[in-house]
Amino acid sequence: AEGEHAIKHMMRKYGRSAEEVASRNEMIVARGKAIGFQFDLEKRSHFYNTFDAHRLLLWAVQEGRQVALKKILIEAYFTNGENPSDHETLVRLAGEAGLSTTRAREILTSEAFALEVRELESFYLQRGINSVPAMVLNGRQLVSGSLSVKEYEQILRQVARECAVA
């Protein structure tokens, strides 16, 4: 419930040093700024379990509000440092996205959409996807994690060469 300290999490999960994490964070902040998004990674000090947020996102699909909720969740977490596992926070954010706070609370106090989220998680994990962003190129090659434009360009050129040969 209290989450895991973000820097320690990145060091543990990806085997990075504190300096590498700091450098990566600087890159992420700069990329966000370039497209008009403000990352405040000092406020976003912890990683939290987003299972319940994903349950609300599945419900939001039915309501035609998934994109609105997703944008609000991203800003709440990455800019404002809010806890996306806290039910009161999730209910408030659902309301901000134009969803029923009563229904959001009902979902969060039940098992609604839990099976669907677990099935989706299993689907992606079985395909080697365990971080975001993740893309499957040409139905075969998994590209996982935040890369530089140059790195994406190199990967896309390689895939294009492989397709031309095949």
Protein backbone atom coordinates (compact mmCIF):
# COMPACT_ATOMS: atom_id res chain seq x y z
CA ALA A 1 0.00 0.00 0.00
CA GLU A 2 2.84 2.40 0.71
CA GLY A 3 4.47 1.65 -2.64
CA GLU A 4 8.14 1.15 -3.38
CA HIS A 5 10.64 3.99 -3.53
CA ALA A 6 10.99 4.84 -7.24
CA ILE A 7 14.78 5.00 -7.45
CA LYS A 8 15.25 1.79 -5.44
CA HIS A 9 12.60 0.11 -7.61
CA MET A 10 14.39 1.07 -10.85
CA MET A 11 17.73 -0.05 -9.44
CA ARG A 12 16.29 -3.40 -8.36
CA LYS A 13 14.13 -4.09 -11.41
CA TYR A 14 16.58 -3.02 -14.11
CA GLY A 15 19.93 -3.43 -12.36
CA ARG A 16 20.74 0.26 -12.80
CA SER A 17 22.90 2.44 -10.60
CA ALA A 18 21.43 5.49 -8.88
CA GLU A 19 23.31 7.64 -11.41
CA GLU A 20 21.81 5.72 -14.34
CA VAL A 21 18.33 6.13 -12.87
CA ALA A 22 18.91 9.87 -12.41
CA SER A 23 20.14 10.21 -15.99
CA ARG A 24 17.14 8.26 -17.30
CA ASN A 25 14.79 10.43 -15.25
CA GLU A 26 16.35 13.58 -16.72
CA MET A 27 15.74 12.17 -20.20
CA ILE A 28 12.11 11.38 -19.37
CA VAL A 29 11.50 14.87 -17.97
CA ALA A 30 13.05 16.44 -21.09
CA ARG A 31 10.97 14.26 -23.42
CA GLY A 32 7.81 15.16 -21.56
CA LYS A 33 8.65 18.84 -21.69
CA ALA A 34 9.24 18.60 -25.46
CA ILE A 35 5.64 17.47 -25.95
CA GLY A 36 4.09 19.74 -23.34
CA PHE A 37 3.84 17.29 -20.44
CA GLN A 38 5.32 18.03 -17.03
CA PHE A 39 6.89 15.12 -15.19
CA ASP A 40 7.62 15.93 -11.55
CA LEU A 41 9.62 12.91 -10.48
CA GLU A 42 10.37 14.41 -7.08
CA LYS A 43 6.67 14.32 -6.27
CA ARG A 44 6.34 10.89 -7.92
CA SER A 45 8.65 9.38 -5.37
CA HIS A 46 7.13 5.87 -5.25
CA PHE A 47 5.83 3.18 -7.56
CA TYR A 48 2.43 1.85 -6.58
CA ASN A 49 0.29 -1.11 -7.53
CA THR A 50 -2.01 0.06 -10.34
CA PHE A 51 -4.26 -3.00 -10.46
CA ASP A 52 -7.34 -1.11 -9.25
CA ALA A 53 -6.63 1.79 -11.61
CA HIS A 54 -6.61 -0.73 -14.45
CA ARG A 55 -9.95 -2.13 -13.28
CA LEU A 56 -11.39 1.38 -13.50
CA LEU A 57 -9.85 1.84 -16.94
CA LEU A 58 -11.61 -1.29 -18.20
CA TRP A 59 -14.90 0.00 -16.85
CA ALA A 60 -14.19 3.40 -18.44
CA VAL A 61 -14.00 1.69 -21.85
CA GLN A 62 -17.68 0.76 -21.49
CA GLU A 63 -18.50 4.34 -20.56
CA GLY A 64 -16.51 5.88 -23.42
CA ARG A 65 -14.23 7.64 -20.90
CA GLN A 66 -11.06 5.50 -20.94
CA VAL A 67 -8.86 8.11 -22.65
CA ALA A 68 -10.08 10.85 -20.31
CA LEU A 69 -9.44 8.69 -17.24
CA LYS A 70 -6.04 7.57 -18.49
CA LYS A 71 -4.90 11.17 -19.04
CA ILE A 72 -6.11 12.17 -15.58
CA LEU A 73 -4.40 9.18 -13.97
CA ILE A 74 -1.11 9.93 -15.74
CA GLU A 75 -1.13 13.57 -14.67
CA ALA A 76 -2.17 12.72 -11.12
CA TYR A 77 0.72 10.28 -10.78
CA PHE A 78 3.56 11.67 -12.88
CA THR A 79 2.93 15.40 -12.32
CA ASN A 80 1.19 15.59 -8.95
CA GLY A 81 2.71 12.53 -7.26
CA GLU A 82 -0.65 11.09 -6.23
CA ASN A 83 -1.04 7.45 -5.23
CA PRO A 84 -2.90 5.54 -7.98
CA SER A 85 -3.62 2.63 -5.65
CA ASP A 86 -5.50 4.73 -3.10
CA HIS A 87 -9.25 4.16 -3.50
CA GLU A 88 -10.30 7.65 -2.47
CA THR A 89 -7.88 9.13 -4.98
CA LEU A 90 -9.18 6.79 -7.69
CA VAL A 91 -12.81 7.67 -6.95
CA ARG A 92 -12.03 11.40 -7.14
CA LEU A 93 -10.09 10.98 -10.40
CA ALA A 94 -12.89 8.91 -11.92
CA GLY A 95 -15.26 11.77 -11.14
CA GLU A 96 -12.87 14.23 -12.78
CA ALA A 97 -12.97 12.04 -15.88
CA GLY A 98 -16.75 12.31 -16.02
CA LEU A 99 -17.46 8.91 -14.51
CA SER A 100 -19.86 8.07 -11.69
CA THR A 101 -18.04 8.21 -8.37
CA THR A 102 -20.70 5.93 -6.89
CA ARG A 103 -20.03 3.27 -9.51
CA ALA A 104 -16.26 3.75 -9.20
CA ARG A 105 -16.50 3.09 -5.46
CA GLU A 106 -18.68 0.00 -6.10
CA ILE A 107 -16.08 -1.38 -8.51
CA LEU A 108 -13.21 -0.73 -6.12
CA THR A 109 -14.95 -2.46 -3.21
CA SER A 110 -15.76 -5.51 -5.31
CA GLU A 111 -13.95 -7.86 -7.65
CA ALA A 112 -15.44 -6.19 -10.74
CA PHE A 113 -13.06 -6.31 -13.72
CA ALA A 114 -10.42 -8.12 -11.65
CA LEU A 115 -10.54 -11.28 -13.77
CA GLU A 116 -10.29 -9.27 -16.99
CA VAL A 117 -7.27 -7.32 -15.73
CA ARG A 118 -5.56 -10.53 -14.60
CA GLU A 119 -6.23 -12.13 -17.99
CA LEU A 120 -4.77 -9.13 -19.82
CA GLU A 121 -1.76 -9.09 -17.52
CA SER A 122 -1.18 -12.80 -18.18
CA PHE A 123 -1.59 -12.30 -21.94
CA TYR A 124 1.11 -9.64 -22.04
CA LEU A 125 3.48 -11.35 -19.60
CA GLN A 126 3.33 -14.54 -21.68
CA ARG A 127 4.53 -12.46 -24.61
CA GLY A 128 7.47 -11.04 -22.67
CA ILE A 129 5.92 -7.63 -22.01
CA ASN A 130 6.65 -6.54 -18.46
CA SER A 131 7.25 -2.80 -18.75
CA VAL A 132 5.96 0.24 -20.58
CA PRO A 133 6.14 1.40 -23.19
CA ALA A 134 6.19 -1.86 -25.11
CA MET A 135 5.62 -2.39 -28.82
CA VAL A 136 5.59 -5.45 -31.00
CA LEU A 137 7.00 -4.61 -34.42
CA ASN A 138 5.99 -6.57 -37.48
CA GLY A 139 4.26 -9.10 -35.25
CA ARG A 140 7.61 -10.46 -34.06
CA GLN A 141 10.05 -8.12 -32.36
CA LEU A 142 9.33 -6.79 -28.89
CA VAL A 143 10.69 -3.34 -28.14
CA SER A 144 10.35 -2.61 -24.46
CA GLY A 145 11.12 0.45 -22.39
CA SER A 146 11.63 4.11 -23.09
CA LEU A 147 14.28 4.57 -25.75
CA SER A 148 15.77 7.58 -27.46
CA VAL A 149 14.57 8.66 -30.89
CA LYS A 150 17.91 7.45 -32.28
CA GLU A 151 17.44 4.01 -30.72
CA TYR A 152 13.88 3.71 -32.08
CA GLU A 153 15.12 4.80 -35.50
CA GLN A 154 17.84 2.12 -35.46
CA ILE A 155 15.35 -0.57 -34.48
CA LEU A 156 12.83 0.49 -37.14
CA ARG A 157 15.53 0.57 -39.83
CA GLN A 158 16.68 -2.93 -38.80
CA VAL A 159 13.12 -4.27 -38.95
CA ALA A 160 12.66 -2.64 -42.37
CA ARG A 161 15.89 -4.27 -43.64
CA GLU A 162 14.75 -7.67 -42.34
CA CYS A 163 11.37 -7.24 -44.06
CA ALA A 164 13.04 -6.28 -47.35
CA VAL A 165 15.17 -9.44 -47.23
CA ALA A 166 12.32 -11.77 -46.31
